[in-house]
Amino acid sequence: FLRYVDAHKLDGTTFYRAARAKSD
C-alpha cells in the first residue's frame, strides 16, 4: 500500500464501489 502511496499511483483514482449490507 505504501508503495502505491509513495509512487503517487493513488492520486486521481477513485472510490468506485459502495457495497451496502442488505440487512443494514
PDBML (XML) file of the C-alpha atoms, coordinates in Angstrom:
<?xml version="1.0" encoding="UTF-8" ?>
<PDBx:datablock datablockName="MODEL"
   xmlns:PDBx="http://pdbml.pdb.org/schema/pdbx-v50.xsd"
   xmlns:xsi="http://www.w3.org/2001/XMLSchema-instance"
   xsi:schemaLocation="http://pdbml.pdb.org/schema/pdbx-v50.xsd pdbx-v50.xsd">
   <PDBx:atom_siteCategory>
      <PDBx:atom_site id="1">
         <PDBx:B_iso_or_equiv>0.00</PDBx:B_iso_or_equiv>
         <PDBx:Cartn_x>0.000</PDBx:Cartn_x>
         <PDBx:Cartn_y>0.000</PDBx:Cartn_y>
         <PDBx:Cartn_z>0.000</PDBx:Cartn_z>
         <PDBx:auth_asym_id>A</PDBx:auth_asym_id>
         <PDBx:auth_atom_id>CA</PDBx:auth_atom_id>
         <PDBx:auth_comp_id>PHE</PDBx:auth_comp_id>
         <PDBx:auth_seq_id>1</PDBx:auth_seq_id>
         <PDBx:group_PDB>ATOM</PDBx:group_PDB>
         <PDBx:label_alt_id xsi:nil="true" />
         <PDBx:label_asym_id>A</PDBx:label_asym_id>
         <PDBx:label_atom_id>CA</PDBx:label_atom_id>
         <PDBx:label_comp_id>PHE</PDBx:label_comp_id>
         <PDBx:label_entity_id>1</PDBx:label_entity_id>
         <PDBx:label_seq_id>1</PDBx:label_seq_id>
         <PDBx:occupancy>1.00</PDBx:occupancy>
         <PDBx:pdbx_PDB_model_num>1</PDBx:pdbx_PDB_model_num>
         <PDBx:type_symbol>C</PDBx:type_symbol>
      </PDBx:atom_site>
      <PDBx:atom_site id="2">
         <PDBx:B_iso_or_equiv>0.00</PDBx:B_iso_or_equiv>
         <PDBx:Cartn_x>2.799</PDBx:Cartn_x>
         <PDBx:Cartn_y>2.426</PDBx:Cartn_y>
         <PDBx:Cartn_z>0.895</PDBx:Cartn_z>
         <PDBx:auth_asym_id>A</PDBx:auth_asym_id>
         <PDBx:auth_atom_id>CA</PDBx:auth_atom_id>
         <PDBx:auth_comp_id>LEU</PDBx:auth_comp_id>
         <PDBx:auth_seq_id>2</PDBx:auth_seq_id>
         <PDBx:group_PDB>ATOM</PDBx:group_PDB>
         <PDBx:label_alt_id xsi:nil="true" />
         <PDBx:label_asym_id>A</PDBx:label_asym_id>
         <PDBx:label_atom_id>CA</PDBx:label_atom_id>
         <PDBx:label_comp_id>LEU</PDBx:label_comp_id>
         <PDBx:label_entity_id>1</PDBx:label_entity_id>
         <PDBx:label_seq_id>2</PDBx:label_seq_id>
         <PDBx:occupancy>1.00</PDBx:occupancy>
         <PDBx:pdbx_PDB_model_num>1</PDBx:pdbx_PDB_model_num>
         <PDBx:type_symbol>C</PDBx:type_symbol>
      </PDBx:atom_site>
      <PDBx:atom_site id="3">
         <PDBx:B_iso_or_equiv>0.00</PDBx:B_iso_or_equiv>
         <PDBx:Cartn_x>4.495</PDBx:Cartn_x>
         <PDBx:Cartn_y>1.687</PDBx:Cartn_y>
         <PDBx:Cartn_z>-2.418</PDBx:Cartn_z>
         <PDBx:auth_asym_id>A</PDBx:auth_asym_id>
         <PDBx:auth_atom_id>CA</PDBx:auth_atom_id>
         <PDBx:auth_comp_id>ARG</PDBx:auth_comp_id>
         <PDBx:auth_seq_id>3</PDBx:auth_seq_id>
         <PDBx:group_PDB>ATOM</PDBx:group_PDB>
         <PDBx:label_alt_id xsi:nil="true" />
         <PDBx:label_asym_id>A</PDBx:label_asym_id>
         <PDBx:label_atom_id>CA</PDBx:label_atom_id>
         <PDBx:label_comp_id>ARG</PDBx:label_comp_id>
         <PDBx:label_entity_id>1</PDBx:label_entity_id>
         <PDBx:label_seq_id>3</PDBx:label_seq_id>
         <PDBx:occupancy>1.00</PDBx:occupancy>
         <PDBx:pdbx_PDB_model_num>1</PDBx:pdbx_PDB_model_num>
         <PDBx:type_symbol>C</PDBx:type_symbol>
      </PDBx:atom_site>
      <PDBx:atom_site id="4">
         <PDBx:B_iso_or_equiv>0.00</PDBx:B_iso_or_equiv>
         <PDBx:Cartn_x>1.397</PDBx:Cartn_x>
         <PDBx:Cartn_y>2.923</PDBx:Cartn_y>
         <PDBx:Cartn_z>-4.254</PDBx:Cartn_z>
         <PDBx:auth_asym_id>A</PDBx:auth_asym_id>
         <PDBx:auth_atom_id>CA</PDBx:auth_atom_id>
         <PDBx:auth_comp_id>TYR</PDBx:auth_comp_id>
         <PDBx:auth_seq_id>4</PDBx:auth_seq_id>
         <PDBx:group_PDB>ATOM</PDBx:group_PDB>
         <PDBx:label_alt_id xsi:nil="true" />
         <PDBx:label_asym_id>A</PDBx:label_asym_id>
         <PDBx:label_atom_id>CA</PDBx:label_atom_id>
         <PDBx:label_comp_id>TYR</PDBx:label_comp_id>
         <PDBx:label_entity_id>1</PDBx:label_entity_id>
         <PDBx:label_seq_id>4</PDBx:label_seq_id>
         <PDBx:occupancy>1.00</PDBx:occupancy>
         <PDBx:pdbx_PDB_model_num>1</PDBx:pdbx_PDB_model_num>
         <PDBx:type_symbol>C</PDBx:type_symbol>
      </PDBx:atom_site>
      <PDBx:atom_site id="5">
         <PDBx:B_iso_or_equiv>0.00</PDBx:B_iso_or_equiv>
         <PDBx:Cartn_x>1.186</PDBx:Cartn_x>
         <PDBx:Cartn_y>5.935</PDBx:Cartn_y>
         <PDBx:Cartn_z>-1.943</PDBx:Cartn_z>
         <PDBx:auth_asym_id>A</PDBx:auth_asym_id>
         <PDBx:auth_atom_id>CA</PDBx:auth_atom_id>
         <PDBx:auth_comp_id>VAL</PDBx:auth_comp_id>
         <PDBx:auth_seq_id>5</PDBx:auth_seq_id>
         <PDBx:group_PDB>ATOM</PDBx:group_PDB>
         <PDBx:label_alt_id xsi:nil="true" />
         <PDBx:label_asym_id>A</PDBx:label_asym_id>
         <PDBx:label_atom_id>CA</PDBx:label_atom_id>
         <PDBx:label_comp_id>VAL</PDBx:label_comp_id>
         <PDBx:label_entity_id>1</PDBx:label_entity_id>
         <PDBx:label_seq_id>5</PDBx:label_seq_id>
         <PDBx:occupancy>1.00</PDBx:occupancy>
         <PDBx:pdbx_PDB_model_num>1</PDBx:pdbx_PDB_model_num>
         <PDBx:type_symbol>C</PDBx:type_symbol>
      </PDBx:atom_site>
      <PDBx:atom_site id="6">
         <PDBx:B_iso_or_equiv>0.00</PDBx:B_iso_or_equiv>
         <PDBx:Cartn_x>4.851</PDBx:Cartn_x>
         <PDBx:Cartn_y>6.896</PDBx:Cartn_y>
         <PDBx:Cartn_z>-2.335</PDBx:Cartn_z>
         <PDBx:auth_asym_id>A</PDBx:auth_asym_id>
         <PDBx:auth_atom_id>CA</PDBx:auth_atom_id>
         <PDBx:auth_comp_id>ASP</PDBx:auth_comp_id>
         <PDBx:auth_seq_id>6</PDBx:auth_seq_id>
         <PDBx:group_PDB>ATOM</PDBx:group_PDB>
         <PDBx:label_alt_id xsi:nil="true" />
         <PDBx:label_asym_id>A</PDBx:label_asym_id>
         <PDBx:label_atom_id>CA</PDBx:label_atom_id>
         <PDBx:label_comp_id>ASP</PDBx:label_comp_id>
         <PDBx:label_entity_id>1</PDBx:label_entity_id>
         <PDBx:label_seq_id>6</PDBx:label_seq_id>
         <PDBx:occupancy>1.00</PDBx:occupancy>
         <PDBx:pdbx_PDB_model_num>1</PDBx:pdbx_PDB_model_num>
         <PDBx:type_symbol>C</PDBx:type_symbol>
      </PDBx:atom_site>
      <PDBx:atom_site id="7">
         <PDBx:B_iso_or_equiv>0.00</PDBx:B_iso_or_equiv>
         <PDBx:Cartn_x>4.685</PDBx:Cartn_x>
         <PDBx:Cartn_y>6.498</PDBx:Cartn_y>
         <PDBx:Cartn_z>-6.130</PDBx:Cartn_z>
         <PDBx:auth_asym_id>A</PDBx:auth_asym_id>
         <PDBx:auth_atom_id>CA</PDBx:auth_atom_id>
         <PDBx:auth_comp_id>ALA</PDBx:auth_comp_id>
         <PDBx:auth_seq_id>7</PDBx:auth_seq_id>
         <PDBx:group_PDB>ATOM</PDBx:group_PDB>
         <PDBx:label_alt_id xsi:nil="true" />
         <PDBx:label_asym_id>A</PDBx:label_asym_id>
         <PDBx:label_atom_id>CA</PDBx:label_atom_id>
         <PDBx:label_comp_id>ALA</PDBx:label_comp_id>
         <PDBx:label_entity_id>1</PDBx:label_entity_id>
         <PDBx:label_seq_id>7</PDBx:label_seq_id>
         <PDBx:occupancy>1.00</PDBx:occupancy>
         <PDBx:pdbx_PDB_model_num>1</PDBx:pdbx_PDB_model_num>
         <PDBx:type_symbol>C</PDBx:type_symbol>
      </PDBx:atom_site>
      <PDBx:atom_site id="8">
         <PDBx:B_iso_or_equiv>0.00</PDBx:B_iso_or_equiv>
         <PDBx:Cartn_x>1.552</PDBx:Cartn_x>
         <PDBx:Cartn_y>8.731</PDBx:Cartn_y>
         <PDBx:Cartn_z>-6.166</PDBx:Cartn_z>
         <PDBx:auth_asym_id>A</PDBx:auth_asym_id>
         <PDBx:auth_atom_id>CA</PDBx:auth_atom_id>
         <PDBx:auth_comp_id>HIS</PDBx:auth_comp_id>
         <PDBx:auth_seq_id>8</PDBx:auth_seq_id>
         <PDBx:group_PDB>ATOM</PDBx:group_PDB>
         <PDBx:label_alt_id xsi:nil="true" />
         <PDBx:label_asym_id>A</PDBx:label_asym_id>
         <PDBx:label_atom_id>CA</PDBx:label_atom_id>
         <PDBx:label_comp_id>HIS</PDBx:label_comp_id>
         <PDBx:label_entity_id>1</PDBx:label_entity_id>
         <PDBx:label_seq_id>8</PDBx:label_seq_id>
         <PDBx:occupancy>1.00</PDBx:occupancy>
         <PDBx:pdbx_PDB_model_num>1</PDBx:pdbx_PDB_model_num>
         <PDBx:type_symbol>C</PDBx:type_symbol>
      </PDBx:atom_site>
      <PDBx:atom_site id="9">
         <PDBx:B_iso_or_equiv>0.00</PDBx:B_iso_or_equiv>
         <PDBx:Cartn_x>-0.295</PDBx:Cartn_x>
         <PDBx:Cartn_y>5.990</PDBx:Cartn_y>
         <PDBx:Cartn_z>-8.027</PDBx:Cartn_z>
         <PDBx:auth_asym_id>A</PDBx:auth_asym_id>
         <PDBx:auth_atom_id>CA</PDBx:auth_atom_id>
         <PDBx:auth_comp_id>LYS</PDBx:auth_comp_id>
         <PDBx:auth_seq_id>9</PDBx:auth_seq_id>
         <PDBx:group_PDB>ATOM</PDBx:group_PDB>
         <PDBx:label_alt_id xsi:nil="true" />
         <PDBx:label_asym_id>A</PDBx:label_asym_id>
         <PDBx:label_atom_id>CA</PDBx:label_atom_id>
         <PDBx:label_comp_id>LYS</PDBx:label_comp_id>
         <PDBx:label_entity_id>1</PDBx:label_entity_id>
         <PDBx:label_seq_id>9</PDBx:label_seq_id>
         <PDBx:occupancy>1.00</PDBx:occupancy>
         <PDBx:pdbx_PDB_model_num>1</PDBx:pdbx_PDB_model_num>
         <PDBx:type_symbol>C</PDBx:type_symbol>
      </PDBx:atom_site>
      <PDBx:atom_site id="10">
         <PDBx:B_iso_or_equiv>0.00</PDBx:B_iso_or_equiv>
         <PDBx:Cartn_x>-3.435</PDBx:Cartn_x>
         <PDBx:Cartn_y>6.519</PDBx:Cartn_y>
         <PDBx:Cartn_z>-5.932</PDBx:Cartn_z>
         <PDBx:auth_asym_id>A</PDBx:auth_asym_id>
         <PDBx:auth_atom_id>CA</PDBx:auth_atom_id>
         <PDBx:auth_comp_id>LEU</PDBx:auth_comp_id>
         <PDBx:auth_seq_id>10</PDBx:auth_seq_id>
         <PDBx:group_PDB>ATOM</PDBx:group_PDB>
         <PDBx:label_alt_id xsi:nil="true" />
         <PDBx:label_asym_id>A</PDBx:label_asym_id>
         <PDBx:label_atom_id>CA</PDBx:label_atom_id>
         <PDBx:label_comp_id>LEU</PDBx:label_comp_id>
         <PDBx:label_entity_id>1</PDBx:label_entity_id>
         <PDBx:label_seq_id>10</PDBx:label_seq_id>
         <PDBx:occupancy>1.00</PDBx:occupancy>
         <PDBx:pdbx_PDB_model_num>1</PDBx:pdbx_PDB_model_num>
         <PDBx:type_symbol>C</PDBx:type_symbol>
      </PDBx:atom_site>
      <PDBx:atom_site id="11">
         <PDBx:B_iso_or_equiv>0.00</PDBx:B_iso_or_equiv>
         <PDBx:Cartn_x>-3.620</PDBx:Cartn_x>
         <PDBx:Cartn_y>10.213</PDBx:Cartn_y>
         <PDBx:Cartn_z>-6.826</PDBx:Cartn_z>
         <PDBx:auth_asym_id>A</PDBx:auth_asym_id>
         <PDBx:auth_atom_id>CA</PDBx:auth_atom_id>
         <PDBx:auth_comp_id>ASP</PDBx:auth_comp_id>
         <PDBx:auth_seq_id>11</PDBx:auth_seq_id>
         <PDBx:group_PDB>ATOM</PDBx:group_PDB>
         <PDBx:label_alt_id xsi:nil="true" />
         <PDBx:label_asym_id>A</PDBx:label_asym_id>
         <PDBx:label_atom_id>CA</PDBx:label_atom_id>
         <PDBx:label_comp_id>ASP</PDBx:label_comp_id>
         <PDBx:label_entity_id>1</PDBx:label_entity_id>
         <PDBx:label_seq_id>11</PDBx:label_seq_id>
         <PDBx:occupancy>1.00</PDBx:occupancy>
         <PDBx:pdbx_PDB_model_num>1</PDBx:pdbx_PDB_model_num>
         <PDBx:type_symbol>C</PDBx:type_symbol>
      </PDBx:atom_site>
      <PDBx:atom_site id="12">
         <PDBx:B_iso_or_equiv>0.00</PDBx:B_iso_or_equiv>
         <PDBx:Cartn_x>-6.566</PDBx:Cartn_x>
         <PDBx:Cartn_y>10.802</PDBx:Cartn_y>
         <PDBx:Cartn_z>-9.133</PDBx:Cartn_z>
         <PDBx:auth_asym_id>A</PDBx:auth_asym_id>
         <PDBx:auth_atom_id>CA</PDBx:auth_atom_id>
         <PDBx:auth_comp_id>GLY</PDBx:auth_comp_id>
         <PDBx:auth_seq_id>12</PDBx:auth_seq_id>
         <PDBx:group_PDB>ATOM</PDBx:group_PDB>
         <PDBx:label_alt_id xsi:nil="true" />
         <PDBx:label_asym_id>A</PDBx:label_asym_id>
         <PDBx:label_atom_id>CA</PDBx:label_atom_id>
         <PDBx:label_comp_id>GLY</PDBx:label_comp_id>
         <PDBx:label_entity_id>1</PDBx:label_entity_id>
         <PDBx:label_seq_id>12</PDBx:label_seq_id>
         <PDBx:occupancy>1.00</PDBx:occupancy>
         <PDBx:pdbx_PDB_model_num>1</PDBx:pdbx_PDB_model_num>
         <PDBx:type_symbol>C</PDBx:type_symbol>
      </PDBx:atom_site>
      <PDBx:atom_site id="13">
         <PDBx:B_iso_or_equiv>0.00</PDBx:B_iso_or_equiv>
         <PDBx:Cartn_x>-8.061</PDBx:Cartn_x>
         <PDBx:Cartn_y>7.353</PDBx:Cartn_y>
         <PDBx:Cartn_z>-8.580</PDBx:Cartn_z>
         <PDBx:auth_asym_id>A</PDBx:auth_asym_id>
         <PDBx:auth_atom_id>CA</PDBx:auth_atom_id>
         <PDBx:auth_comp_id>THR</PDBx:auth_comp_id>
         <PDBx:auth_seq_id>13</PDBx:auth_seq_id>
         <PDBx:group_PDB>ATOM</PDBx:group_PDB>
         <PDBx:label_alt_id xsi:nil="true" />
         <PDBx:label_asym_id>A</PDBx:label_asym_id>
         <PDBx:label_atom_id>CA</PDBx:label_atom_id>
         <PDBx:label_comp_id>THR</PDBx:label_comp_id>
         <PDBx:label_entity_id>1</PDBx:label_entity_id>
         <PDBx:label_seq_id>13</PDBx:label_seq_id>
         <PDBx:occupancy>1.00</PDBx:occupancy>
         <PDBx:pdbx_PDB_model_num>1</PDBx:pdbx_PDB_model_num>
         <PDBx:type_symbol>C</PDBx:type_symbol>
      </PDBx:atom_site>
      <PDBx:atom_site id="14">
         <PDBx:B_iso_or_equiv>0.00</PDBx:B_iso_or_equiv>
         <PDBx:Cartn_x>-11.490</PDBx:Cartn_x>
         <PDBx:Cartn_y>6.934</PDBx:Cartn_y>
         <PDBx:Cartn_z>-7.005</PDBx:Cartn_z>
         <PDBx:auth_asym_id>A</PDBx:auth_asym_id>
         <PDBx:auth_atom_id>CA</PDBx:auth_atom_id>
         <PDBx:auth_comp_id>THR</PDBx:auth_comp_id>
         <PDBx:auth_seq_id>14</PDBx:auth_seq_id>
         <PDBx:group_PDB>ATOM</PDBx:group_PDB>
         <PDBx:label_alt_id xsi:nil="true" />
         <PDBx:label_asym_id>A</PDBx:label_asym_id>
         <PDBx:label_atom_id>CA</PDBx:label_atom_id>
         <PDBx:label_comp_id>THR</PDBx:label_comp_id>
         <PDBx:label_entity_id>1</PDBx:label_entity_id>
         <PDBx:label_seq_id>14</PDBx:label_seq_id>
         <PDBx:occupancy>1.00</PDBx:occupancy>
         <PDBx:pdbx_PDB_model_num>1</PDBx:pdbx_PDB_model_num>
         <PDBx:type_symbol>C</PDBx:type_symbol>
      </PDBx:atom_site>
      <PDBx:atom_site id="15">
         <PDBx:B_iso_or_equiv>0.00</PDBx:B_iso_or_equiv>
         <PDBx:Cartn_x>-13.698</PDBx:Cartn_x>
         <PDBx:Cartn_y>5.215</PDBx:Cartn_y>
         <PDBx:Cartn_z>-4.502</PDBx:Cartn_z>
         <PDBx:auth_asym_id>A</PDBx:auth_asym_id>
         <PDBx:auth_atom_id>CA</PDBx:auth_atom_id>
         <PDBx:auth_comp_id>PHE</PDBx:auth_comp_id>
         <PDBx:auth_seq_id>15</PDBx:auth_seq_id>
         <PDBx:group_PDB>ATOM</PDBx:group_PDB>
         <PDBx:label_alt_id xsi:nil="true" />
         <PDBx:label_asym_id>A</PDBx:label_asym_id>
         <PDBx:label_atom_id>CA</PDBx:label_atom_id>
         <PDBx:label_comp_id>PHE</PDBx:label_comp_id>
         <PDBx:label_entity_id>1</PDBx:label_entity_id>
         <PDBx:label_seq_id>15</PDBx:label_seq_id>
         <PDBx:occupancy>1.00</PDBx:occupancy>
         <PDBx:pdbx_PDB_model_num>1</PDBx:pdbx_PDB_model_num>
         <PDBx:type_symbol>C</PDBx:type_symbol>
      </PDBx:atom_site>
      <PDBx:atom_site id="16">
         <PDBx:B_iso_or_equiv>0.00</PDBx:B_iso_or_equiv>
         <PDBx:Cartn_x>-15.876</PDBx:Cartn_x>
         <PDBx:Cartn_y>3.434</PDBx:Cartn_y>
         <PDBx:Cartn_z>-7.048</PDBx:Cartn_z>
         <PDBx:auth_asym_id>A</PDBx:auth_asym_id>
         <PDBx:auth_atom_id>CA</PDBx:auth_atom_id>
         <PDBx:auth_comp_id>TYR</PDBx:auth_comp_id>
         <PDBx:auth_seq_id>16</PDBx:auth_seq_id>
         <PDBx:group_PDB>ATOM</PDBx:group_PDB>
         <PDBx:label_alt_id xsi:nil="true" />
         <PDBx:label_asym_id>A</PDBx:label_asym_id>
         <PDBx:label_atom_id>CA</PDBx:label_atom_id>
         <PDBx:label_comp_id>TYR</PDBx:label_comp_id>
         <PDBx:label_entity_id>1</PDBx:label_entity_id>
         <PDBx:label_seq_id>16</PDBx:label_seq_id>
         <PDBx:occupancy>1.00</PDBx:occupancy>
         <PDBx:pdbx_PDB_model_num>1</PDBx:pdbx_PDB_model_num>
         <PDBx:type_symbol>C</PDBx:type_symbol>
      </PDBx:atom_site>
      <PDBx:atom_site id="17">
         <PDBx:B_iso_or_equiv>0.00</PDBx:B_iso_or_equiv>
         <PDBx:Cartn_x>-17.777</PDBx:Cartn_x>
         <PDBx:Cartn_y>0.814</PDBx:Cartn_y>
         <PDBx:Cartn_z>-5.066</PDBx:Cartn_z>
         <PDBx:auth_asym_id>A</PDBx:auth_asym_id>
         <PDBx:auth_atom_id>CA</PDBx:auth_atom_id>
         <PDBx:auth_comp_id>ARG</PDBx:auth_comp_id>
         <PDBx:auth_seq_id>17</PDBx:auth_seq_id>
         <PDBx:group_PDB>ATOM</PDBx:group_PDB>
         <PDBx:label_alt_id xsi:nil="true" />
         <PDBx:label_asym_id>A</PDBx:label_asym_id>
         <PDBx:label_atom_id>CA</PDBx:label_atom_id>
         <PDBx:label_comp_id>ARG</PDBx:label_comp_id>
         <PDBx:label_entity_id>1</PDBx:label_entity_id>
         <PDBx:label_seq_id>17</PDBx:label_seq_id>
         <PDBx:occupancy>1.00</PDBx:occupancy>
         <PDBx:pdbx_PDB_model_num>1</PDBx:pdbx_PDB_model_num>
         <PDBx:type_symbol>C</PDBx:type_symbol>
      </PDBx:atom_site>
      <PDBx:atom_site id="18">
         <PDBx:B_iso_or_equiv>0.00</PDBx:B_iso_or_equiv>
         <PDBx:Cartn_x>-20.235</PDBx:Cartn_x>
         <PDBx:Cartn_y>1.079</PDBx:Cartn_y>
         <PDBx:Cartn_z>-2.170</PDBx:Cartn_z>
         <PDBx:auth_asym_id>A</PDBx:auth_asym_id>
         <PDBx:auth_atom_id>CA</PDBx:auth_atom_id>
         <PDBx:auth_comp_id>ALA</PDBx:auth_comp_id>
         <PDBx:auth_seq_id>18</PDBx:auth_seq_id>
         <PDBx:group_PDB>ATOM</PDBx:group_PDB>
         <PDBx:label_alt_id xsi:nil="true" />
         <PDBx:label_asym_id>A</PDBx:label_asym_id>
         <PDBx:label_atom_id>CA</PDBx:label_atom_id>
         <PDBx:label_comp_id>ALA</PDBx:label_comp_id>
         <PDBx:label_entity_id>1</PDBx:label_entity_id>
         <PDBx:label_seq_id>18</PDBx:label_seq_id>
         <PDBx:occupancy>1.00</PDBx:occupancy>
         <PDBx:pdbx_PDB_model_num>1</PDBx:pdbx_PDB_model_num>
         <PDBx:type_symbol>C</PDBx:type_symbol>
      </PDBx:atom_site>
      <PDBx:atom_site id="19">
         <PDBx:B_iso_or_equiv>0.00</PDBx:B_iso_or_equiv>
         <PDBx:Cartn_x>-21.306</PDBx:Cartn_x>
         <PDBx:Cartn_y>-2.382</PDBx:Cartn_y>
         <PDBx:Cartn_z>-1.001</PDBx:Cartn_z>
         <PDBx:auth_asym_id>A</PDBx:auth_asym_id>
         <PDBx:auth_atom_id>CA</PDBx:auth_atom_id>
         <PDBx:auth_comp_id>ALA</PDBx:auth_comp_id>
         <PDBx:auth_seq_id>19</PDBx:auth_seq_id>
         <PDBx:group_PDB>ATOM</PDBx:group_PDB>
         <PDBx:label_alt_id xsi:nil="true" />
         <PDBx:label_asym_id>A</PDBx:label_asym_id>
         <PDBx:label_atom_id>CA</PDBx:label_atom_id>
         <PDBx:label_comp_id>ALA</PDBx:label_comp_id>
         <PDBx:label_entity_id>1</PDBx:label_entity_id>
         <PDBx:label_seq_id>19</PDBx:label_seq_id>
         <PDBx:occupancy>1.00</PDBx:occupancy>
         <PDBx:pdbx_PDB_model_num>1</PDBx:pdbx_PDB_model_num>
         <PDBx:type_symbol>C</PDBx:type_symbol>
      </PDBx:atom_site>
      <PDBx:atom_site id="20">
         <PDBx:B_iso_or_equiv>0.00</PDBx:B_iso_or_equiv>
         <PDBx:Cartn_x>-24.136</PDBx:Cartn_x>
         <PDBx:Cartn_y>-1.915</PDBx:Cartn_y>
         <PDBx:Cartn_z>1.491</PDBx:Cartn_z>
         <PDBx:auth_asym_id>A</PDBx:auth_asym_id>
         <PDBx:auth_atom_id>CA</PDBx:auth_atom_id>
         <PDBx:auth_comp_id>ARG</PDBx:auth_comp_id>
         <PDBx:auth_seq_id>20</PDBx:auth_seq_id>
         <PDBx:group_PDB>ATOM</PDBx:group_PDB>
         <PDBx:label_alt_id xsi:nil="true" />
         <PDBx:label_asym_id>A</PDBx:label_asym_id>
         <PDBx:label_atom_id>CA</PDBx:label_atom_id>
         <PDBx:label_comp_id>ARG</PDBx:label_comp_id>
         <PDBx:label_entity_id>1</PDBx:label_entity_id>
         <PDBx:label_seq_id>20</PDBx:label_seq_id>
         <PDBx:occupancy>1.00</PDBx:occupancy>
         <PDBx:pdbx_PDB_model_num>1</PDBx:pdbx_PDB_model_num>
         <PDBx:type_symbol>C</PDBx:type_symbol>
      </PDBx:atom_site>
      <PDBx:atom_site id="21">
         <PDBx:B_iso_or_equiv>0.00</PDBx:B_iso_or_equiv>
         <PDBx:Cartn_x>-25.398</PDBx:Cartn_x>
         <PDBx:Cartn_y>-4.750</PDBx:Cartn_y>
         <PDBx:Cartn_z>3.677</PDBx:Cartn_z>
         <PDBx:auth_asym_id>A</PDBx:auth_asym_id>
         <PDBx:auth_atom_id>CA</PDBx:auth_atom_id>
         <PDBx:auth_comp_id>ALA</PDBx:auth_comp_id>
         <PDBx:auth_seq_id>21</PDBx:auth_seq_id>
         <PDBx:group_PDB>ATOM</PDBx:group_PDB>
         <PDBx:label_alt_id xsi:nil="true" />
         <PDBx:label_asym_id>A</PDBx:label_asym_id>
         <PDBx:label_atom_id>CA</PDBx:label_atom_id>
         <PDBx:label_comp_id>ALA</PDBx:label_comp_id>
         <PDBx:label_entity_id>1</PDBx:label_entity_id>
         <PDBx:label_seq_id>21</PDBx:label_seq_id>
         <PDBx:occupancy>1.00</PDBx:occupancy>
         <PDBx:pdbx_PDB_model_num>1</PDBx:pdbx_PDB_model_num>
         <PDBx:type_symbol>C</PDBx:type_symbol>
      </PDBx:atom_site>
      <PDBx:atom_site id="22">
         <PDBx:B_iso_or_equiv>0.00</PDBx:B_iso_or_equiv>
         <PDBx:Cartn_x>-28.924</PDBx:Cartn_x>
         <PDBx:Cartn_y>-5.788</PDBx:Cartn_y>
         <PDBx:Cartn_z>2.748</PDBx:Cartn_z>
         <PDBx:auth_asym_id>A</PDBx:auth_asym_id>
         <PDBx:auth_atom_id>CA</PDBx:auth_atom_id>
         <PDBx:auth_comp_id>LYS</PDBx:auth_comp_id>
         <PDBx:auth_seq_id>22</PDBx:auth_seq_id>
         <PDBx:group_PDB>ATOM</PDBx:group_PDB>
         <PDBx:label_alt_id xsi:nil="true" />
         <PDBx:label_asym_id>A</PDBx:label_asym_id>
         <PDBx:label_atom_id>CA</PDBx:label_atom_id>
         <PDBx:label_comp_id>LYS</PDBx:label_comp_id>
         <PDBx:label_entity_id>1</PDBx:label_entity_id>
         <PDBx:label_seq_id>22</PDBx:label_seq_id>
         <PDBx:occupancy>1.00</PDBx:occupancy>
         <PDBx:pdbx_PDB_model_num>1</PDBx:pdbx_PDB_model_num>
         <PDBx:type_symbol>C</PDBx:type_symbol>
      </PDBx:atom_site>
      <PDBx:atom_site id="23">
         <PDBx:B_iso_or_equiv>0.00</PDBx:B_iso_or_equiv>
         <PDBx:Cartn_x>-29.860</PDBx:Cartn_x>
         <PDBx:Cartn_y>-6.081</PDBx:Cartn_y>
         <PDBx:Cartn_z>6.416</PDBx:Cartn_z>
         <PDBx:auth_asym_id>A</PDBx:auth_asym_id>
         <PDBx:auth_atom_id>CA</PDBx:auth_atom_id>
         <PDBx:auth_comp_id>SER</PDBx:auth_comp_id>
         <PDBx:auth_seq_id>23</PDBx:auth_seq_id>
         <PDBx:group_PDB>ATOM</PDBx:group_PDB>
         <PDBx:label_alt_id xsi:nil="true" />
         <PDBx:label_asym_id>A</PDBx:label_asym_id>
         <PDBx:label_atom_id>CA</PDBx:label_atom_id>
         <PDBx:label_comp_id>SER</PDBx:label_comp_id>
         <PDBx:label_entity_id>1</PDBx:label_entity_id>
         <PDBx:label_seq_id>23</PDBx:label_seq_id>
         <PDBx:occupancy>1.00</PDBx:occupancy>
         <PDBx:pdbx_PDB_model_num>1</PDBx:pdbx_PDB_model_num>
         <PDBx:type_symbol>C</PDBx:type_symbol>
      </PDBx:atom_site>
      <PDBx:atom_site id="24">
         <PDBx:B_iso_or_equiv>0.00</PDBx:B_iso_or_equiv>
         <PDBx:Cartn_x>-28.485</PDBx:Cartn_x>
         <PDBx:Cartn_y>-2.635</PDBx:Cartn_y>
         <PDBx:Cartn_z>7.286</PDBx:Cartn_z>
         <PDBx:auth_asym_id>A</PDBx:auth_asym_id>
         <PDBx:auth_atom_id>CA</PDBx:auth_atom_id>
         <PDBx:auth_comp_id>ASP</PDBx:auth_comp_id>
         <PDBx:auth_seq_id>24</PDBx:auth_seq_id>
         <PDBx:group_PDB>ATOM</PDBx:group_PDB>
         <PDBx:label_alt_id xsi:nil="true" />
         <PDBx:label_asym_id>A</PDBx:label_asym_id>
         <PDBx:label_atom_id>CA</PDBx:label_atom_id>
         <PDBx:label_comp_id>ASP</PDBx:label_comp_id>
         <PDBx:label_entity_id>1</PDBx:label_entity_id>
         <PDBx:label_seq_id>24</PDBx:label_seq_id>
         <PDBx:occupancy>1.00</PDBx:occupancy>
         <PDBx:pdbx_PDB_model_num>1</PDBx:pdbx_PDB_model_num>
         <PDBx:type_symbol>C</PDBx:type_symbol>
      </PDBx:atom_site>
   </PDBx:atom_siteCategory>
</PDBx:datablock>
